Protein backbone atom coordinates (compact mmCIF):
# COMPACT_ATOMS: atom_id res chain seq x y z
CA UNK A 1 26.85 96.97 50.54
CA UNK A 2 23.92 94.58 50.05
CA UNK A 3 23.49 91.39 52.07
CA UNK A 4 26.20 90.75 54.66
CA UNK A 5 24.99 87.71 56.61
CA UNK A 6 22.56 84.83 56.10
CA UNK A 7 21.25 81.92 58.15
CA UNK A 8 18.91 78.95 57.74
CA UNK A 9 17.38 77.45 60.87
CA UNK A 10 14.66 75.20 62.25
CA UNK A 11 13.21 76.78 65.34
CA UNK A 12 16.25 77.93 67.31
CA UNK A 13 18.52 75.34 65.65
CA UNK A 14 20.96 76.78 63.13
CA UNK A 15 21.40 74.45 60.16
CA UNK A 16 23.66 76.63 57.97
CA UNK A 17 25.00 80.17 57.97
CA UNK A 18 27.50 82.41 56.25
CA UNK A 19 28.90 85.86 57.01
CA UNK A 20 30.53 88.06 54.40
CA UNK A 21 32.19 90.36 56.92
CA UNK A 22 33.42 90.53 60.52
CA UNK A 23 30.34 91.00 62.68
CA UNK A 24 28.44 89.57 65.64
CA UNK A 25 25.29 89.25 63.52
CA UNK A 26 25.31 85.51 64.27
CA UNK A 27 24.73 86.12 67.98
CA UNK A 28 21.89 88.56 67.31
CA UNK A 29 20.35 86.21 64.75
CA UNK A 30 20.22 83.42 67.34
CA UNK A 31 18.38 85.68 69.76
CA UNK A 32 15.91 86.60 67.02
CA UNK A 33 15.28 82.89 66.32
CA UNK A 34 14.53 82.31 70.00
CA UNK A 35 12.33 85.36 70.43
CA UNK A 36 10.15 85.36 67.30
CA UNK A 37 6.62 84.95 68.66
CA UNK A 38 4.29 82.14 67.61
CA UNK A 39 4.73 79.32 65.15
CA UNK A 40 2.89 80.76 62.17
CA UNK A 41 4.50 81.65 58.87
CA UNK A 42 5.87 85.16 59.01
CA UNK A 43 7.77 87.80 57.08
CA UNK A 44 9.24 90.48 59.31
CA UNK A 45 12.18 92.88 59.51
CA UNK A 46 14.03 94.24 62.53
CA UNK A 47 16.31 97.27 62.44
CA UNK A 48 19.58 97.58 64.32
CA UNK A 49 21.52 100.78 63.74
CA UNK A 50 21.77 101.10 59.93
CA UNK A 51 21.40 97.34 59.38
CA UNK A 52 18.18 95.37 59.03
CA UNK A 53 17.53 91.71 59.84
CA UNK A 54 14.97 90.29 57.41
CA UNK A 55 13.20 87.08 58.44
CA UNK A 56 11.07 84.63 56.46
CA UNK A 57 9.58 81.62 58.24
CA UNK A 58 7.65 79.02 56.25
CA UNK A 59 6.56 75.55 57.44
CA UNK A 60 8.86 75.73 60.44
CA UNK A 61 11.94 76.65 58.42
CA UNK A 62 13.39 80.09 59.05
CA UNK A 63 15.63 81.93 56.62
CA UNK A 64 17.23 85.13 57.89
CA UNK A 65 19.62 87.69 56.47
CA UNK A 66 21.22 90.94 57.57
CA UNK A 67 21.49 93.69 54.97
CA UNK A 68 22.46 97.31 54.83
CA UNK A 69 19.42 99.56 55.11
CA UNK A 70 20.15 100.96 51.63
CA UNK A 71 19.37 97.52 50.15
CA UNK A 72 15.65 98.10 50.74
CA UNK A 73 13.34 95.11 51.25
CA UNK A 74 12.53 93.69 47.83
CA UNK A 75 16.00 92.28 47.16
CA UNK A 76 16.58 90.79 50.66
CA UNK A 77 13.17 89.06 50.63
CA UNK A 78 13.74 87.78 47.11
CA UNK A 79 17.04 86.37 48.41
CA UNK A 80 15.26 84.71 51.35
CA UNK A 81 12.66 83.17 49.05
CA UNK A 82 15.38 81.86 46.75
CA UNK A 83 17.37 80.37 49.64
CA UNK A 84 14.27 78.74 51.12
CA UNK A 85 13.43 77.04 47.82
CA UNK A 86 17.01 75.86 47.26
CA UNK A 87 17.29 74.51 50.81
CA UNK A 88 14.02 72.56 50.71
CA UNK A 89 14.73 71.27 47.21
CA UNK A 90 18.20 70.10 48.25
CA UNK A 91 17.42 68.48 51.62
CA UNK A 92 13.69 67.70 51.58
CA UNK A 93 12.39 66.07 54.76
CA UNK A 94 15.88 65.94 56.26
CA UNK A 95 15.43 69.55 57.39
CA UNK A 96 13.02 68.39 60.10
CA UNK A 97 15.53 66.10 61.80
CA UNK A 98 18.94 67.54 60.92
CA UNK A 99 21.45 68.25 63.67
CA UNK A 100 22.77 71.78 64.34
CA UNK A 101 24.99 72.88 61.45
CA UNK A 102 24.18 69.60 59.72
CA UNK A 103 24.07 71.31 56.31
CA UNK A 104 26.59 74.06 56.97
CA UNK A 105 29.60 72.62 55.18
CA UNK A 106 27.74 72.29 51.90
CA UNK A 107 25.04 74.96 52.03
CA UNK A 108 27.21 77.80 53.37
CA UNK A 109 28.76 77.92 49.89
CA UNK A 110 25.29 78.35 48.38
CA UNK A 111 24.59 81.18 50.82
CA UNK A 112 27.86 82.86 49.86
CA UNK A 113 27.16 82.58 46.12
CA UNK A 114 23.60 83.88 46.37
CA UNK A 115 24.63 86.71 48.69
CA UNK A 116 27.12 87.83 46.06
CA UNK A 117 24.53 87.54 43.29
CA UNK A 118 21.78 89.48 45.08
CA UNK A 119 24.26 92.09 46.39
CA UNK A 120 26.06 92.91 43.16
CA UNK A 121 24.41 91.52 40.02
CA UNK A 122 22.00 94.02 38.40
CA UNK A 123 20.03 91.11 36.93
CA UNK A 124 18.85 90.18 40.44
CA UNK A 125 16.90 93.44 40.67
CA UNK A 126 15.68 93.30 37.08
CA UNK A 127 14.22 89.83 37.58
CA UNK A 128 12.38 90.87 40.71
CA UNK A 129 11.04 94.00 39.05
CA UNK A 130 9.60 91.84 36.31
CA UNK A 131 7.94 89.64 38.89
CA UNK A 132 6.49 92.70 40.57
CA UNK A 133 6.46 93.67 44.22
CA UNK A 134 6.30 90.60 46.45
CA UNK A 135 3.01 90.65 48.34
CA UNK A 136 4.62 89.75 51.66
CA UNK A 137 7.07 92.65 51.37
CA UNK A 138 4.24 95.16 51.09
CA UNK A 139 2.97 94.11 54.49
CA UNK A 140 6.29 93.90 56.30
CA UNK A 141 6.67 96.40 59.10
CA UNK A 142 10.19 97.24 60.18
CA UNK A 143 10.43 97.18 63.97
CA UNK A 144 13.34 98.02 66.19
CA UNK A 145 15.18 94.92 67.27
CA UNK A 146 14.71 95.93 70.93
CA UNK A 147 11.08 94.83 70.56
CA UNK A 148 12.05 91.25 69.87
CA UNK A 149 15.05 91.04 72.19
CA UNK A 150 14.80 91.41 75.95
CA UNK A 151 16.50 94.57 77.17
CA UNK A 152 18.75 92.59 79.46
CA UNK A 153 19.87 90.36 76.59
CA UNK A 154 20.30 93.11 74.04
CA UNK A 155 23.47 92.92 71.97
CA UNK A 156 25.00 95.81 70.12
CA UNK A 157 25.62 95.05 66.48
CA UNK A 158 29.35 95.33 65.87
CA UNK A 159 30.34 95.51 62.24
CA UNK A 160 34.01 95.83 61.42
CA UNK A 161 35.01 99.06 59.68
CA UNK A 162 36.25 96.99 56.80
CA UNK A 163 32.64 96.02 56.07
CA UNK A 164 32.35 98.89 53.60
CA UNK A 165 35.32 97.56 51.66
CA UNK A 166 34.03 93.99 51.97
CA UNK A 167 30.60 94.94 50.75
CA UNK A 168 31.97 96.79 47.73
CA UNK A 169 34.34 94.00 46.70
CA UNK A 170 31.78 92.54 44.31
CA UNK A 171 31.37 95.83 42.43
CA UNK A 172 35.11 96.43 42.42
CA UNK A 173 35.76 93.05 40.79
CA UNK A 174 33.38 93.82 37.93
CA UNK A 175 34.75 97.32 37.47
CA UNK A 176 38.31 95.96 37.50
CA UNK A 177 37.44 93.40 34.82
CA UNK A 178 35.86 96.09 32.64
CA UNK A 179 38.87 98.36 33.17
CA UNK A 180 41.35 95.63 32.22
CA UNK A 181 39.30 94.84 29.11
CA UNK A 182 39.18 98.51 28.12
CA UNK A 183 42.94 98.95 28.63
CA UNK A 184 43.64 95.77 26.64
CA UNK A 185 41.58 96.93 23.66
CA UNK A 186 43.15 100.37 23.86
CA UNK A 187 46.62 98.82 23.75
CA UNK A 188 45.62 96.63 20.79
CA UNK A 189 44.32 99.63 18.87
CA UNK A 190 47.44 101.64 19.72
CA UNK A 191 49.69 98.79 18.57
CA UNK A 192 47.81 98.49 15.26
CA UNK A 193 48.02 102.25 14.74
CA UNK A 194 51.78 102.22 15.38
CA UNK A 195 52.26 99.35 12.93
CA UNK A 196 50.29 101.23 10.26
CA UNK A 197 52.35 104.38 10.87
CA UNK A 198 55.60 102.42 10.64
CA UNK A 199 54.48 100.79 7.39
CA UNK A 200 53.60 104.20 5.95
CA UNK A 201 56.99 105.59 6.98
CA UNK A 202 58.80 102.60 5.46
CA UNK A 203 56.80 102.99 2.27
CA UNK A 204 57.60 106.71 2.05
CA UNK A 205 61.31 106.10 2.70
CA UNK A 206 61.48 103.34 0.08
CA UNK A 207 59.59 105.48 -2.39
CA UNK A 208 61.97 108.37 -1.81
CA UNK A 209 65.06 106.16 -2.10
CA UNK A 210 63.85 104.38 -5.23
CA UNK A 211 62.44 107.43 -7.03
CA UNK A 212 64.54 110.26 -5.61
CA UNK A 213 66.70 112.67 -7.74
CA UNK A 214 69.95 110.78 -7.13
CA UNK A 215 68.52 107.38 -8.14
CA UNK A 216 66.19 107.52 -11.13
CA UNK A 217 64.88 104.05 -10.49
CA UNK A 218 65.37 101.01 -8.29
CA UNK A 219 64.38 98.71 -11.12
């Protein structure tokens, strides 16, 4: 299923977010933003059921995503690093004074595109394997989300049952394109074969008519 939700924030202020499926991950993400201890840079993951919230905070800017636990940690943290760089490169110092959702209209599209890339494109994993294991990922400890959220404020993560279909849409699109291409080539080859067969039959018929016993020659 890959990455299902992503957010960029400053402190507890959400600047941009995108969700690829029906879920209340946004509400849980806001609580995580408010409860993360200290102001130092951090890389941490919190589990909730079979989903994991991965968090990267650098220079006061927090990038967060929710992924299926089968996605591991290397890909989600590579996604967070990529989003952080793109966000800072795009907005610069404006991130320190932007209003809530000030970049959402534009940057939510970037989140959507990169979520699709890191969730479905095999090249995303190949590139990160070439770079080697990210040092911060080695040291990330996955804690239960109850440790960061107060028990009284705890929210159950509700993911729509269609999330499985939503998460596999990216793979289905690629498989569908390959299938259509295969069928098209098969039809082309079949058409060519039929034409060749018809030409052979026509040739045989003409040869029989022109050189048969009843007609010594057509010429």
